[in-house]
C-alpha atoms as a PDB file:
ATOM      1  CA  MET A   1      -0.044 -11.495  21.088  1.00  0.00           C
ATOM      2  CA  GLY A   2       2.088  -8.625  22.332  1.00  0.00           C
ATOM      3  CA  LYS A   3       0.836  -5.237  23.478  1.00  0.00           C
ATOM      4  CA  LYS A   4       4.315  -3.892  24.175  1.00  0.00           C
ATOM      5  CA  SER A   5       6.357  -5.796  21.624  1.00  0.00           C
ATOM      6  CA  VAL A   6       6.293  -8.581  19.043  1.00  0.00           C
ATOM      7  CA  CYS A   7       9.004 -11.215  18.765  1.00  0.00           C
ATOM      8  CA  PHE A   8      10.143 -10.902  15.160  1.00  0.00           C
ATOM      9  CA  ARG A   9      13.212 -10.124  13.069  1.00  0.00           C
ATOM     10  CA  CYS A  10      13.364  -9.783   9.306  1.00  0.00           C
ATOM     11  CA  HIS A  11      16.177 -11.905   7.845  1.00  0.00           C
ATOM     12  CA  HIS A  12      15.624 -10.466   4.367  1.00  0.00           C
ATOM     13  CA  CYS A  13      14.730 -13.829   2.869  1.00  0.00           C
ATOM     14  CA  GLY A  14      12.927 -11.995   0.068  1.00  0.00           C
ATOM     15  CA  HIS A  15       9.539 -13.668   0.473  1.00  0.00           C
ATOM     16  CA  CYS A  16       7.523 -10.472   0.794  1.00  0.00           C
ATOM     17  CA  CYS A  17       9.436  -8.833  -2.066  1.00  0.00           C
ATOM     18  CA  LYS A  18       9.169 -11.831  -4.402  1.00  0.00           C
ATOM     19  CA  ASP A  19       5.879 -13.542  -3.556  1.00  0.00           C
ATOM     20  CA  VAL A  20       3.597 -10.751  -2.329  1.00  0.00           C
ATOM     21  CA  VAL A  21       2.122  -8.047  -4.545  1.00  0.00           C
ATOM     22  CA  CYS A  22       2.346  -4.698  -2.769  1.00  0.00           C
ATOM     23  CA  LEU A  23      -0.660  -2.419  -3.220  1.00  0.00           C
ATOM     24  CA  PRO A  24       0.555   1.006  -2.085  1.00  0.00           C
ATOM     25  CA  THR A  25      -1.523   4.047  -1.245  1.00  0.00           C
ATOM     26  CA  PRO A  26      -1.028   7.372  -3.057  1.00  0.00           C
ATOM     27  CA  GLY A  27       0.670   8.543   0.149  1.00  0.00           C
ATOM     28  CA  ASP A  28       3.229   5.736  -0.197  1.00  0.00           C
ATOM     29  CA  VAL A  29       3.796   6.640  -3.835  1.00  0.00           C
ATOM     30  CA  GLU A  30       4.239  10.304  -2.999  1.00  0.00           C
ATOM     31  CA  ARG A  31       6.828   9.484  -0.311  1.00  0.00           C
ATOM     32  CA  ILE A  32       8.830   7.217  -2.623  1.00  0.00           C
ATOM     33  CA  VAL A  33       8.839   9.835  -5.379  1.00  0.00           C
ATOM     34  CA  LYS A  34       9.802  12.628  -2.990  1.00  0.00           C
ATOM     35  CA  HIS A  35      12.791  10.816  -1.505  1.00  0.00           C
ATOM     36  CA  THR A  36      14.048   8.820  -4.486  1.00  0.00           C
ATOM     37  CA  GLY A  37      12.981  10.754  -7.572  1.00  0.00           C
ATOM     38  CA  ALA A  38      11.538   7.550  -9.054  1.00  0.00           C
ATOM     39  CA  ASN A  39       8.931   7.963 -11.792  1.00  0.00           C
ATOM     40  CA  PRO A  40       5.537   6.582 -10.683  1.00  0.00           C
ATOM     41  CA  PHE A  41       4.608   5.868 -14.296  1.00  0.00           C
ATOM     42  CA  GLU A  42       7.544   3.451 -14.362  1.00  0.00           C
ATOM     43  CA  PHE A  43       7.150   1.661 -11.017  1.00  0.00           C
ATOM     44  CA  LEU A  44       3.346   1.404 -10.799  1.00  0.00           C
ATOM     45  CA  VAL A  45       1.095  -1.095 -12.546  1.00  0.00           C
ATOM     46  CA  PHE A  46      -2.681  -1.460 -12.633  1.00  0.00           C
ATOM     47  CA  LEU A  47      -3.842  -5.012 -12.064  1.00  0.00           C
ATOM     48  CA  THR A  48      -7.133  -6.681 -12.946  1.00  0.00           C
ATOM     49  CA  PRO A  49      -9.018  -9.077 -10.645  1.00  0.00           C
ATOM     50  CA  ASP A  50      -7.636 -12.004 -12.674  1.00  0.00           C
ATOM     51  CA  GLU A  51      -4.053 -11.002 -11.927  1.00  0.00           C
ATOM     52  CA  LEU A  52      -4.108 -11.272  -8.136  1.00  0.00           C
ATOM     53  CA  THR A  53      -5.917 -12.846  -5.218  1.00  0.00           C
ATOM     54  CA  GLY A  54      -6.713 -11.685  -1.718  1.00  0.00           C
ATOM     55  CA  VAL A  55      -8.593  -8.499  -2.610  1.00  0.00           C
ATOM     56  CA  GLU A  56     -12.353  -8.450  -2.115  1.00  0.00           C
ATOM     57  CA  LYS A  57     -14.535  -7.729  -5.145  1.00  0.00           C
ATOM     58  CA  ASN A  58     -16.127  -4.829  -3.290  1.00  0.00           C
ATOM     59  CA  ASP A  59     -12.845  -3.318  -2.097  1.00  0.00           C
ATOM     60  CA  PRO A  60     -13.232   0.487  -2.328  1.00  0.00           C
ATOM     61  CA  THR A  61      -9.873   0.986  -4.059  1.00  0.00           C
ATOM     62  CA  TRP A  62     -10.847  -0.700  -7.332  1.00  0.00           C
ATOM     63  CA  LEU A  63     -10.605   1.782 -10.187  1.00  0.00           C
ATOM     64  CA  LYS A  64     -13.376   1.524 -12.773  1.00  0.00           C
ATOM     65  CA  VAL A  65     -12.610   2.166 -16.433  1.00  0.00           C
ATOM     66  CA  ASP A  66     -14.937   1.209 -19.309  1.00  0.00           C
ATOM     67  CA  GLY A  67     -16.634  -1.506 -17.281  1.00  0.00           C
ATOM     68  CA  GLU A  68     -13.328  -3.039 -16.134  1.00  0.00           C
ATOM     69  CA  LYS A  69     -11.736  -2.943 -12.681  1.00  0.00           C
ATOM     70  CA  TYR A  70      -8.112  -2.201 -11.840  1.00  0.00           C
ATOM     71  CA  ILE A  71      -6.110  -1.765  -8.662  1.00  0.00           C
ATOM     72  CA  MET A  72      -2.794   0.038  -8.207  1.00  0.00           C
ATOM     73  CA  GLY A  73       0.269  -2.025  -7.351  1.00  0.00           C
ATOM     74  CA  LEU A  74       4.043  -1.912  -7.466  1.00  0.00           C
ATOM     75  CA  LYS A  75       5.357  -3.316 -10.723  1.00  0.00           C
ATOM     76  CA  ARG A  76       7.033  -6.716 -10.605  1.00  0.00           C
ATOM     77  CA  ASP A  77       9.336  -8.786 -12.776  1.00  0.00           C
ATOM     78  CA  ARG A  78      11.182 -12.102 -12.402  1.00  0.00           C
ATOM     79  CA  LYS A  79      13.196 -10.848  -9.432  1.00  0.00           C
ATOM     80  CA  GLY A  80      10.037  -9.709  -7.675  1.00  0.00           C
ATOM     81  CA  CYS A  81       9.123  -6.169  -6.674  1.00  0.00           C
ATOM     82  CA  TYR A  82      10.320  -3.336  -8.901  1.00  0.00           C
ATOM     83  CA  PHE A  83      12.402  -1.925  -6.032  1.00  0.00           C
ATOM     84  CA  ARG A  84      14.060  -5.161  -4.960  1.00  0.00           C
ATOM     85  CA  ASP A  85      17.812  -5.130  -5.502  1.00  0.00           C
ATOM     86  CA  ALA A  86      18.434  -8.676  -6.731  1.00  0.00           C
ATOM     87  CA  LYS A  87      22.176  -8.526  -6.007  1.00  0.00           C
ATOM     88  CA  ALA A  88      21.877  -7.103  -2.516  1.00  0.00           C
ATOM     89  CA  LYS A  89      18.667  -9.116  -1.917  1.00  0.00           C
ATOM     90  CA  HIS A  90      17.254  -6.076  -0.200  1.00  0.00           C
ATOM     91  CA  CYS A  91      14.632  -3.386  -0.817  1.00  0.00           C
ATOM     92  CA  GLY A  92      16.149  -0.507  -2.752  1.00  0.00           C
ATOM     93  CA  VAL A  93      13.819   2.036  -1.102  1.00  0.00           C
ATOM     94  CA  TYR A  94      13.758   0.428   2.344  1.00  0.00           C
ATOM     95  CA  ALA A  95      13.737   3.700   4.296  1.00  0.00           C
ATOM     96  CA  HIS A  96      10.784   4.961   2.237  1.00  0.00           C
ATOM     97  CA  ARG A  97       8.954   1.705   1.540  1.00  0.00           C
ATOM     98  CA  PRO A  98       5.137   1.484   1.706  1.00  0.00           C
ATOM     99  CA  LEU A  99       3.646   1.400   5.191  1.00  0.00           C
ATOM    100  CA  LEU A 100       2.077  -1.979   4.519  1.00  0.00           C
ATOM    101  CA  CYS A 101       5.539  -3.410   3.905  1.00  0.00           C
ATOM    102  CA  ARG A 102       6.615  -2.077   7.297  1.00  0.00           C
ATOM    103  CA  LEU A 103       3.716  -3.827   9.021  1.00  0.00           C
ATOM    104  CA  TYR A 104       4.159  -7.214   7.311  1.00  0.00           C
ATOM    105  CA  PRO A 105       3.848  -9.918   8.667  1.00  0.00           C
ATOM    106  CA  CYS A 106       2.307  -8.416  11.805  1.00  0.00           C
ATOM    107  CA  LYS A 107      -1.401  -8.661  12.519  1.00  0.00           C
ATOM    108  CA  LEU A 108      -3.312  -6.031  14.501  1.00  0.00           C
ATOM    109  CA  HIS A 109      -5.701  -7.039  17.281  1.00  0.00           C
ATOM    110  CA  GLU A 110      -8.415  -4.648  18.450  1.00  0.00           C
ATOM    111  CA  GLY A 111     -11.229  -4.928  20.960  1.00  0.00           C
ATOM    112  CA  ARG A 112     -14.915  -4.693  20.122  1.00  0.00           C
ATOM    113  CA  SER A 113     -14.877  -0.937  20.545  1.00  0.00           C
ATOM    114  CA  GLY A 114     -11.729  -0.555  18.442  1.00  0.00           C
ATOM    115  CA  GLU A 115      -9.225  -0.225  21.279  1.00  0.00           C
ATOM    116  CA  PHE A 116      -5.697  -1.388  20.603  1.00  0.00           C
ATOM    117  CA  ARG A 117      -4.944  -4.814  22.082  1.00  0.00           C
ATOM    118  CA  GLY A 118      -1.641  -5.686  20.460  1.00  0.00           C
ATOM    119  CA  PHE A 119       0.038  -7.404  17.527  1.00  0.00           C
ATOM    120  CA  SER A 120       0.825 -10.984  16.619  1.00  0.00           C
ATOM    121  CA  LEU A 121       2.341 -12.566  13.528  1.00  0.00           C
ATOM    122  CA  HIS A 122       0.110 -13.719  10.691  1.00  0.00           C
ATOM    123  CA  GLU A 123       0.013 -17.503  10.535  1.00  0.00           C
ATOM    124  CA  ASP A 124      -1.230 -17.950   6.962  1.00  0.00           C
ATOM    125  CA  VAL A 125       1.641 -16.231   5.140  1.00  0.00           C
ATOM    126  CA  GLY A 126       4.840 -17.503   3.561  1.00  0.00           C
ATOM    127  CA  CYS A 127       7.120 -15.401   5.731  1.00  0.00           C
ATOM    128  CA  PRO A 128       9.334 -17.670   7.913  1.00  0.00           C
ATOM    129  CA  ARG A 129       8.505 -15.390  10.871  1.00  0.00           C
ATOM    130  CA  HIS A 130      11.847 -15.527  12.638  1.00  0.00           C
ATOM    131  CA  ARG A 131      11.369 -14.704  16.315  1.00  0.00           C
ATOM    132  CA  ASP A 132      14.939 -13.824  17.275  1.00  0.00           C
ATOM    133  CA  GLY A 133      14.219 -10.113  17.536  1.00  0.00           C
ATOM    134  CA  GLU A 134      11.782  -7.686  19.095  1.00  0.00           C
ATOM    135  CA  VAL A 135       9.594  -5.022  17.443  1.00  0.00           C
ATOM    136  CA  ASP A 136       7.967  -2.259  19.451  1.00  0.00           C
ATOM    137  CA  ALA A 137       4.186  -2.692  19.249  1.00  0.00           C
ATOM    138  CA  GLN A 138       3.433   0.989  19.806  1.00  0.00           C
ATOM    139  CA  ALA A 139       5.654   1.907  16.870  1.00  0.00           C
ATOM    140  CA  LEU A 140       3.778  -0.620  14.748  1.00  0.00           C
ATOM    141  CA  TYR A 141       0.468   0.831  15.869  1.00  0.00           C
ATOM    142  CA  ALA A 142       1.590   4.337  14.889  1.00  0.00           C
ATOM    143  CA  ILE A 143       2.395   3.000  11.403  1.00  0.00           C
ATOM    144  CA  TYR A 144      -0.985   1.281  11.268  1.00  0.00           C
ATOM    145  CA  GLN A 145      -2.790   4.507  12.208  1.00  0.00           C
ATOM    146  CA  GLU A 146      -0.917   6.473   9.545  1.00  0.00           C
ATOM    147  CA  ASP A 147      -1.730   3.812   6.951  1.00  0.00           C
ATOM    148  CA  HIS A 148      -5.381   3.853   8.027  1.00  0.00           C
ATOM    149  CA  LEU A 149      -5.581   7.592   7.316  1.00  0.00           C
ATOM    150  CA  ASN A 150      -3.834   7.072   3.976  1.00  0.00           C
ATOM    151  CA  GLN A 151      -6.329   4.356   3.110  1.00  0.00           C
ATOM    152  CA  GLN A 152      -9.227   6.695   3.815  1.00  0.00           C
ATOM    153  CA  ASP A 153      -7.698   9.345   1.577  1.00  0.00           C
ATOM    154  CA  TYR A 154      -7.035   6.681  -1.076  1.00  0.00           C
ATOM    155  CA  GLN A 155     -10.680   5.634  -1.100  1.00  0.00           C
ATOM    156  CA  ASP A 156     -11.812   9.240  -1.542  1.00  0.00           C
ATOM    157  CA  LEU A 157      -9.426   9.659  -4.479  1.00  0.00           C
ATOM    158  CA  VAL A 158     -10.673   6.453  -6.116  1.00  0.00           C
ATOM    159  CA  GLU A 159     -14.277   7.560  -5.682  1.00  0.00           C
ATOM    160  CA  TYR A 160     -13.412  10.909  -7.287  1.00  0.00           C
ATOM    161  CA  PHE A 161     -11.629   9.185 -10.182  1.00  0.00           C
ATOM    162  CA  ASN A 162     -14.451   6.707 -10.750  1.00  0.00           C
ATOM    163  CA  GLN A 163     -16.953   9.531 -11.070  1.00  0.00           C
ATOM    164  CA  LYS A 164     -14.971  11.148 -13.866  1.00  0.00           C
ATOM    165  CA  GLU A 165     -15.973  10.089 -17.375  1.00  0.00           C
ATOM    166  CA  TYR A 166     -14.164  11.205 -20.520  1.00  0.00           C
ATOM    167  CA  PRO A 167     -13.017   9.702 -23.844  1.00  0.00           C
ATOM    168  CA  GLY A 168      -9.831   7.643 -23.693  1.00  0.00           C
ATOM    169  CA  LYS A 169      -9.865   7.224 -19.922  1.00  0.00           C
ATOM    170  CA  LYS A 170      -7.137   4.833 -18.700  1.00  0.00           C
ATOM    171  CA  PRO A 171      -6.336   3.437 -15.234  1.00  0.00           C
ATOM    172  CA  GLU A 172      -2.905   5.092 -15.455  1.00  0.00           C
ATOM    173  CA  ASP A 173      -4.701   8.455 -15.427  1.00  0.00           C
ATOM    174  CA  PHE A 174      -5.277   7.863 -11.712  1.00  0.00           C
ATOM    175  CA  ILE A 175      -1.626   8.755 -11.095  1.00  0.00           C
ATOM    176  CA  GLU A 176      -2.104  12.221 -12.575  1.00  0.00           C
ATOM    177  CA  VAL A 177      -5.385  12.629 -10.717  1.00  0.00           C
ATOM    178  CA  PHE A 178      -4.006  11.892  -7.261  1.00  0.00           C
ATOM    179  CA  ILE A 179      -0.870  13.967  -7.858  1.00  0.00           C
ATOM    180  CA  GLU A 180      -3.026  16.900  -8.933  1.00  0.00           C
ATOM    181  CA  VAL A 181      -5.493  16.543  -6.058  1.00  0.00           C
ATOM    182  CA  ARG A 182      -2.859  16.044  -3.355  1.00  0.00           C
ATOM    183  CA  ARG A 183      -0.922  19.051  -4.670  1.00  0.00           C
ATOM    184  CA  ALA A 184      -4.102  21.158  -4.615  1.00  0.00           C
ATOM    185  CA  LYS A 185      -4.801  20.129  -1.021  1.00  0.00           C
ATOM    186  CA  LYS A 186      -1.443  21.569   0.013  1.00  0.00           C
ATOM    187  CA  THR A 187      -2.240  25.003  -1.458  1.00  0.00           C
ATOM    188  CA  PRO A 188      -4.507  27.635   0.160  1.00  0.00           C
ATOM    189  CA  ALA A 189      -6.928  27.655  -2.782  1.00  0.00           C
ATOM    190  CA  LYS A 190      -8.379  24.165  -2.772  1.00  0.00           C
ATOM    191  CA  ARG A 191      -9.616  22.879  -6.103  1.00  0.00           C
ATOM    192  CA  ALA A 192     -13.396  22.724  -6.291  1.00  0.00           C
ATOM    193  CA  GLY A 193     -14.832  19.248  -6.584  1.00  0.00           C
ATOM    194  CA  ALA A 194     -11.704  17.473  -5.397  1.00  0.00           C
ATOM    195  CA  PRO A 195     -11.972  15.074  -2.463  1.00  0.00           C
ATOM    196  CA  GLY A 196     -11.176  16.317   1.009  1.00  0.00           C
ATOM    197  CA  THR A 197      -9.014  14.783   3.664  1.00  0.00           C
ATOM    198  CA  GLY A 198      -9.424  11.265   4.036  1.00  0.00           C
ATOM    199  CA  ARG A 199     -10.733   8.187   3.894  1.00  0.00           C
ATOM    200  CA  LYS A 200      -4.190  -2.221   3.016  1.00  0.00           C
ATOM    201  CA  LYS A 201      -2.779  -3.881   1.448  1.00  0.00           C
ATOM    202  CA  ALA A 202      -0.945  -6.763   0.143  1.00  0.00           C
ATOM    203  CA  ALA A 203      -2.156  -9.381  -2.224  1.00  0.00           C
ATOM    204  CA  LYS A 204      -0.847 -12.540  -3.752  1.00  0.00           C
ATOM    205  CA  ALA A 205      -0.063 -12.753  -7.424  1.00  0.00           C
ATOM    206  CA  GLY A 206      -2.625 -14.665  -9.385  1.00  0.00           C
END
C-alpha cells in the first residue's frame, strides 16, 4: 500500500475497456458531452440486474421503472466500450473518461475514522497490474474525492427520478432529467422540487 505513490503503469492491454462495464455518473456524462459533443442517447445504455454482476441489489443508483430496475452504463459492442478505438486499441475520450476509469485498478484504503491511508492495486481483477511505473497517490485521492461527490449527486438524482410517476416512463428519461436538473442548478433561479447538491463504479458483464 502506498500513501505517496502506487507502482503501476497502464500498458493499454484493453482489459478494462473490453471486460469491465463502466457505470458512469451524470457528472462523467456531462464532461464527455461537453468536451466531445457525443450524444448521451447514443453512448449510454440502461442495464438490468440480469445483465451485469458486481452491483448490490440495494445500490442507490438503481432506477425504478414499472417494477423493473435499471442502472446507467456506457454502451458496449464486440470491441468493448463504446468509446474504445479498436484500431488504436485506446480510449477515444481518454482525457475526459469517467473518473472510475481513472482510478482503476487502484483500491483506496481508509482508517476507521475515514482518514486517507493510501492506495494499493486490486487483486481480484483481470488487469495485469504492471508495476513498471508510478502513480501519485494524492492525485488519485483527489479523483476519488471528486467521484465521491459525483456519486452523492447521482444518488440524489436517482431518488428524484424514482419518485416521478407518469405514463410511458422509460429508463432513458433519466438522461433528460439529470440534464435538466444539472442545468437548473447552474442558474440563479433553482427549479423547485429538484435535488440539491449532492450525494462507483464498475461492474462485470453478466
